[in-house]
Amino acid sequence: AENMPKENVERAIKRATDKDAADYKEVIYEGYGPNGIAVLVETATDNTNRTVANIRMYFNKCGGTLGNSGSVGFMFEHKCVFKFTAEGVDPEELELEMIAVGVDEFYVEEDGINVYAPYESFGAIQKWLDDQGYEIVSGESVRIPTDTKELTPEEREAVNKLIEHLEEDDDVTNVYTTMAESEEDDEE
């Protein structure tokens, strides 16, 4: 449902079931990519020395700089996002109920309902949806930039090169930037 590549799923399963699996730590790296774009990288690693070296290399190779903890994190809101189905329910009534549970944003779409809330509400919202009997299609943590920066196609290409390098690393779980989405991104 999340359109995750099959190799990523298989790699994650192999890591989780590996008898020699070490303890994985979630570590967030922050920095600036080309053209002053803030980049926040979430990782899950069993070797922080290897991971920080790789992340620093990608930033340096692509014309960016790895920053200190907190250097760009304030530019992103940590939210939880749920998509679920609610057949035969009045959306306005449901929205009011969900606001009481902690939901900030509520969107009715053709294939279900999307809600956004502060990340701290993740467990409460998931439990509420389960208790109400709604089918949860997806639930995830996201970081949404509070401000974005428009770039030319050439500038976008430089930032996308950094994003590609980061996403290819086995330890990287998510990459977020302050780069504004382009019309080409909307068409994909």
Foldseek 3Di string as FASTA:
>chain_A
DPPDDPVLVVVVVCLVPPPPRAQWDWDWWWWAAPPRKTKIFIFTDRDVVVVVVLLQCLRVVLVIGTDDPPPCLVQWAKKKKWWWADPPDDQVVVVVVVVVLAWDDWDQDPVTIMTIGHPVSQVSVVVVCVVVPIGIPDMDIDIHGPAADEDDPVRVVSVVSSVVSQVVDSGTDDMDIRHDDDPVNVVD
